């Protein structure tokens, strides 16, 4: 299982607009990914309601994980998006 631990870079956390950006990016990877708070239960990263239910705050550590083929590249891209609080999924890492 590939995993990335990253601190949320959006000051407002994974709420509303940042959560929407993240969910669209997770879906765009084409790889099933889970997201959780450190020590929490993982949820589907492609589900807006699931991501919002985490209540992840800015600066809080989250865990991205996947065991699918291509997981490492997808997780690297998503981790960069979250850590830097970007507006869209980076093309390259």
Protein backbone atom coordinates (compact mmCIF):
# COMPACT_ATOMS: atom_id res chain seq x y z
CA UNK A 1 0.00 0.00 0.00
CA UNK A 2 1.47 3.34 -1.07
CA UNK A 3 0.96 6.16 1.39
CA UNK A 4 1.74 9.86 1.69
CA UNK A 5 1.47 11.91 4.89
CA UNK A 6 1.06 15.61 4.28
CA UNK A 7 -0.07 18.72 6.13
CA UNK A 8 -3.04 20.59 4.64
CA UNK A 9 -1.71 23.74 2.95
CA UNK A 10 -5.02 25.55 2.55
CA UNK A 11 -5.48 27.94 5.50
CA UNK A 12 -9.20 27.11 5.65
CA UNK A 13 -8.52 23.37 5.54
CA UNK A 14 -10.33 20.88 3.31
CA UNK A 15 -13.62 22.78 3.27
CA UNK A 16 -15.81 24.01 0.39
CA UNK A 17 -13.56 25.22 -2.45
CA UNK A 18 -10.35 23.39 -1.43
CA UNK A 19 -12.30 20.16 -0.92
CA UNK A 20 -13.87 20.57 -4.35
CA UNK A 21 -10.44 21.10 -5.93
CA UNK A 22 -9.07 18.05 -4.11
CA UNK A 23 -11.99 15.76 -5.05
CA UNK A 24 -11.77 16.77 -8.73
CA UNK A 25 -8.02 16.12 -8.65
CA UNK A 26 -8.42 12.75 -6.92
CA UNK A 27 -11.02 11.70 -9.50
CA UNK A 28 -8.79 12.91 -12.37
CA UNK A 29 -5.94 10.60 -11.32
CA UNK A 30 -8.00 7.57 -12.33
CA UNK A 31 -6.61 5.75 -9.29
CA UNK A 32 -8.73 4.81 -6.26
CA UNK A 33 -7.35 6.83 -3.34
CA UNK A 34 -8.37 7.08 0.30
CA UNK A 35 -7.84 10.05 2.59
CA UNK A 36 -7.87 10.14 6.37
CA UNK A 37 -6.74 12.23 9.27
CA UNK A 38 -3.63 10.77 10.89
CA UNK A 39 -4.89 7.84 12.98
CA UNK A 40 -8.43 8.14 11.59
CA UNK A 41 -10.59 5.98 9.36
CA UNK A 42 -9.89 6.32 5.62
CA UNK A 43 -12.63 7.57 3.27
CA UNK A 44 -12.95 7.72 -0.51
CA UNK A 45 -10.95 10.72 -1.77
CA UNK A 46 -13.27 11.04 -4.78
CA UNK A 47 -16.34 11.66 -2.58
CA UNK A 48 -17.05 15.30 -1.72
CA UNK A 49 -19.21 14.37 1.27
CA UNK A 50 -16.60 11.96 2.60
CA UNK A 51 -13.79 14.52 2.29
CA UNK A 52 -15.88 17.23 3.96
CA UNK A 53 -16.79 14.82 6.76
CA UNK A 54 -13.11 14.61 7.75
CA UNK A 55 -13.14 18.22 8.93
CA UNK A 56 -9.42 18.53 8.12
CA UNK A 57 -8.08 21.92 9.22
CA UNK A 58 -5.23 23.94 7.73
CA UNK A 59 -1.89 22.57 8.91
CA UNK A 60 -3.41 19.27 10.06
CA UNK A 61 -1.78 16.03 8.89
CA UNK A 62 -3.71 13.82 6.49
CA UNK A 63 -2.86 10.45 5.01
CA UNK A 64 -3.38 9.63 1.32
CA UNK A 65 -3.24 5.95 0.39
CA UNK A 66 -3.80 3.57 -2.52
CA UNK A 67 -2.76 0.07 -3.52
CA UNK A 68 -3.65 0.44 -7.21
CA UNK A 69 -1.23 0.41 -10.12
CA UNK A 70 0.10 3.93 -10.64
CA UNK A 71 -0.55 4.84 -7.00
CA UNK A 72 2.87 6.38 -6.35
CA UNK A 73 2.58 8.98 -9.10
CA UNK A 74 -1.05 9.78 -8.22
CA UNK A 75 -0.27 10.15 -4.52
CA UNK A 76 2.76 12.36 -5.25
CA UNK A 77 0.60 14.70 -7.31
CA UNK A 78 -2.22 14.81 -4.75
CA UNK A 79 0.22 15.32 -1.88
CA UNK A 80 1.77 18.29 -3.70
CA UNK A 81 -1.69 19.76 -4.33
CA UNK A 82 -2.67 19.47 -0.66
CA UNK A 83 0.65 20.54 0.86
CA UNK A 84 0.97 23.65 -1.29
CA UNK A 85 -2.73 24.54 -1.31
CA UNK A 86 -2.75 24.69 -5.10
CA UNK A 87 -5.75 25.61 -7.24
CA UNK A 88 -5.39 22.64 -9.59
CA UNK A 89 -3.63 19.28 -9.87
CA UNK A 90 0.01 19.78 -10.92
CA UNK A 91 0.93 18.32 -14.29
CA UNK A 92 4.30 17.14 -13.03
CA UNK A 93 5.86 16.70 -9.63
